[in-house]
Protein backbone atom coordinates (compact mmCIF):
# COMPACT_ATOMS: atom_id res chain seq x y z
CA UNK A 1 -41.52 -18.25 -33.35
CA UNK A 2 -39.51 -17.09 -30.35
CA UNK A 3 -40.18 -13.71 -28.84
CA UNK A 4 -37.39 -11.37 -27.81
CA UNK A 5 -37.45 -9.70 -24.42
CA UNK A 6 -36.37 -6.15 -25.26
CA UNK A 7 -35.99 -5.28 -21.57
CA UNK A 8 -32.77 -7.34 -21.41
CA UNK A 9 -29.44 -7.32 -23.22
CA UNK A 10 -27.96 -10.38 -24.94
CA UNK A 11 -26.12 -11.27 -21.71
CA UNK A 12 -29.43 -11.30 -19.82
CA UNK A 13 -28.66 -8.13 -17.89
CA UNK A 14 -31.47 -5.60 -17.66
CA UNK A 15 -31.25 -2.80 -20.23
CA UNK A 16 -29.91 0.35 -18.67
CA UNK A 17 -27.88 -1.71 -16.20
CA UNK A 18 -24.53 -0.35 -15.09
CA UNK A 19 -21.84 -0.29 -17.77
CA UNK A 20 -19.10 -0.49 -15.16
CA UNK A 21 -18.18 -2.65 -12.19
CA UNK A 22 -16.09 -2.05 -9.12
CA UNK A 23 -13.04 -4.30 -8.95
CA UNK A 24 -10.80 -4.73 -5.92
CA UNK A 25 -7.59 -6.75 -5.70
CA UNK A 26 -6.81 -7.36 -2.05
CA UNK A 27 -3.73 -8.96 -0.49
CA UNK A 28 -3.09 -9.48 3.24
CA UNK A 29 -0.88 -6.36 3.22
CA UNK A 30 -2.95 -3.91 1.16
CA UNK A 31 -5.59 -3.22 -1.43
CA UNK A 32 -3.51 -3.18 -4.60
CA UNK A 33 -6.30 -2.02 -6.90
CA UNK A 34 -9.75 -0.52 -6.36
CA UNK A 35 -11.26 0.86 -9.54
CA UNK A 36 -14.33 1.19 -11.76
CA UNK A 37 -13.79 -1.16 -14.71
CA UNK A 38 -15.63 -2.16 -17.87
CA UNK A 39 -14.04 -5.62 -18.26
CA UNK A 40 -11.96 -8.04 -16.17
CA UNK A 41 -10.30 -11.35 -17.08
CA UNK A 42 -9.04 -13.56 -14.25
CA UNK A 43 -7.03 -16.79 -14.20
CA UNK A 44 -8.97 -19.62 -12.56
CA UNK A 45 -7.57 -23.01 -11.60
CA UNK A 46 -9.35 -24.54 -14.59
CA UNK A 47 -9.09 -21.76 -17.18
CA UNK A 48 -9.76 -18.07 -17.61
CA UNK A 49 -12.97 -16.14 -16.93
CA UNK A 50 -13.93 -12.90 -18.64
CA UNK A 51 -16.31 -10.68 -16.67
CA UNK A 52 -18.61 -7.96 -17.98
CA UNK A 53 -21.10 -5.79 -16.09
CA UNK A 54 -24.28 -7.63 -15.10
CA UNK A 55 -22.50 -10.96 -14.51
CA UNK A 56 -24.34 -13.48 -12.37
CA UNK A 57 -22.91 -14.03 -8.87
CA UNK A 58 -19.90 -16.36 -8.70
CA UNK A 59 -17.36 -17.59 -6.18
CA UNK A 60 -14.33 -19.25 -7.77
CA UNK A 61 -10.80 -20.35 -6.98
CA UNK A 62 -8.05 -18.36 -8.71
CA UNK A 63 -5.02 -19.87 -10.40
CA UNK A 64 -1.60 -18.31 -10.92
CA UNK A 65 -1.45 -15.85 -13.78
CA UNK A 66 -2.49 -12.61 -15.39
CA UNK A 67 -5.45 -10.51 -14.32
CA UNK A 68 -6.40 -8.02 -17.05
CA UNK A 69 -8.80 -5.13 -16.68
CA UNK A 70 -10.09 -2.21 -18.70
CA UNK A 71 -11.08 1.18 -17.38
CA UNK A 72 -13.28 3.42 -19.53
CA UNK A 73 -11.07 5.41 -21.89
CA UNK A 74 -7.80 3.94 -20.59
CA UNK A 75 -5.43 1.30 -21.96
CA UNK A 76 -5.73 -2.27 -20.66
CA UNK A 77 -3.92 -2.85 -17.36
CA UNK A 78 -2.41 -6.09 -16.10
CA UNK A 79 -1.46 -7.66 -12.77
CA UNK A 80 0.03 -10.99 -11.74
CA UNK A 81 -2.10 -12.81 -9.13
CA UNK A 82 -0.82 -15.69 -7.04
CA UNK A 83 -3.97 -17.78 -6.67
CA UNK A 84 -6.70 -17.01 -4.15
CA UNK A 85 -10.42 -16.48 -4.49
CA UNK A 86 -12.80 -14.47 -6.66
CA UNK A 87 -16.25 -13.24 -5.71
CA UNK A 88 -18.64 -11.48 -8.07
CA UNK A 89 -21.85 -9.99 -6.72
CA UNK A 90 -23.91 -6.94 -7.75
CA UNK A 91 -21.26 -5.60 -10.17
CA UNK A 92 -18.65 -5.87 -7.40
CA UNK A 93 -15.59 -8.03 -8.14
CA UNK A 94 -13.41 -8.98 -5.18
CA UNK A 95 -10.11 -10.72 -5.83
CA UNK A 96 -8.52 -12.05 -2.64
CA UNK A 97 -4.96 -13.24 -3.17
CA UNK A 98 -1.85 -13.81 -1.07
CA UNK A 99 0.24 -11.91 -3.57
CA UNK A 100 -0.39 -9.60 -6.52
CA UNK A 101 2.19 -7.71 -8.55
CA UNK A 102 2.08 -5.04 -11.19
CA UNK A 103 3.77 -6.35 -14.33
CA UNK A 104 6.29 -3.52 -13.95
CA UNK A 105 7.44 -5.23 -10.71
CA UNK A 106 7.84 -8.61 -12.42
CA UNK A 107 11.16 -9.44 -14.11
CA UNK A 108 12.16 -12.46 -16.16
CA UNK A 109 15.35 -12.85 -14.10
CA UNK A 110 13.49 -13.06 -10.79
CA UNK A 111 10.95 -15.47 -12.30
CA UNK A 112 13.74 -17.70 -13.67
CA UNK A 113 15.44 -17.72 -10.28
CA UNK A 114 12.17 -18.68 -8.61
CA UNK A 115 11.66 -21.47 -11.16
CA UNK A 116 15.18 -22.79 -10.52
CA UNK A 117 14.53 -22.81 -6.76
CA UNK A 118 11.23 -24.63 -7.27
CA UNK A 119 12.77 -27.24 -9.57
CA UNK A 120 15.60 -27.82 -7.06
CA UNK A 121 13.14 -28.97 -4.36
CA UNK A 122 13.52 -32.71 -3.68
CA UNK A 123 10.15 -33.83 -2.31
CA UNK A 124 9.69 -37.07 -0.40
CA UNK A 125 6.07 -36.85 0.74
CA UNK A 126 2.87 -36.29 -1.23
CA UNK A 127 2.47 -32.91 0.45
CA UNK A 128 5.98 -31.86 -0.59
CA UNK A 129 5.33 -33.00 -4.17
CA UNK A 130 2.15 -30.89 -4.23
CA UNK A 131 3.97 -27.86 -2.82
CA UNK A 132 6.76 -28.22 -5.39
CA UNK A 133 4.21 -28.50 -8.20
CA UNK A 134 2.50 -25.30 -7.01
CA UNK A 135 5.87 -23.49 -6.78
CA UNK A 136 6.78 -24.59 -10.32
CA UNK A 137 3.36 -23.53 -11.69
CA UNK A 138 3.65 -20.16 -9.91
CA UNK A 139 7.17 -19.53 -11.27
CA UNK A 140 6.23 -20.57 -14.81
CA UNK A 141 3.22 -18.24 -14.80
CA UNK A 142 5.42 -15.36 -13.63
CA UNK A 143 8.03 -16.17 -16.28
CA UNK A 144 5.40 -16.28 -19.06
CA UNK A 145 4.11 -12.85 -18.06
CA UNK A 146 7.57 -11.33 -17.57
CA UNK A 147 8.75 -12.53 -20.98
CA UNK A 148 5.54 -11.38 -22.69
CA UNK A 149 5.71 -7.90 -21.10
CA UNK A 150 7.61 -6.41 -24.03
CA UNK A 151 5.02 -7.56 -26.57
CA UNK A 152 1.96 -6.30 -24.66
């Protein structure tokens, strides 16, 4: 028969551990968000990661897409992040990205225009093919979020 360690929660975090984390979204120009949060979901290059307080340390590469976060007693908030890196350590989440936008700043028209520009690129080298693929993925992620804005 297995014994249960009552000093830890189901996630393995010590009981009484913090119920919030500090999350920062940092671009080269500014810190877009710096807040106490109860939950964060980030797009990674190979999927999505949900983060709760007490999470083990992680360094990961971000993909293009939606970052969602909850503040205690507030509705869920969303940002678009343009790749970058994520670090989690001691209930501190750092999102380093070249570009982050509030969904209010993201429009379907601008995302469609960016997708058209990306699809119009005529690559000739492997590096140009890779850059075009990144530009298309970035524009499609923005378009998905902009079109879904009304239903959120």
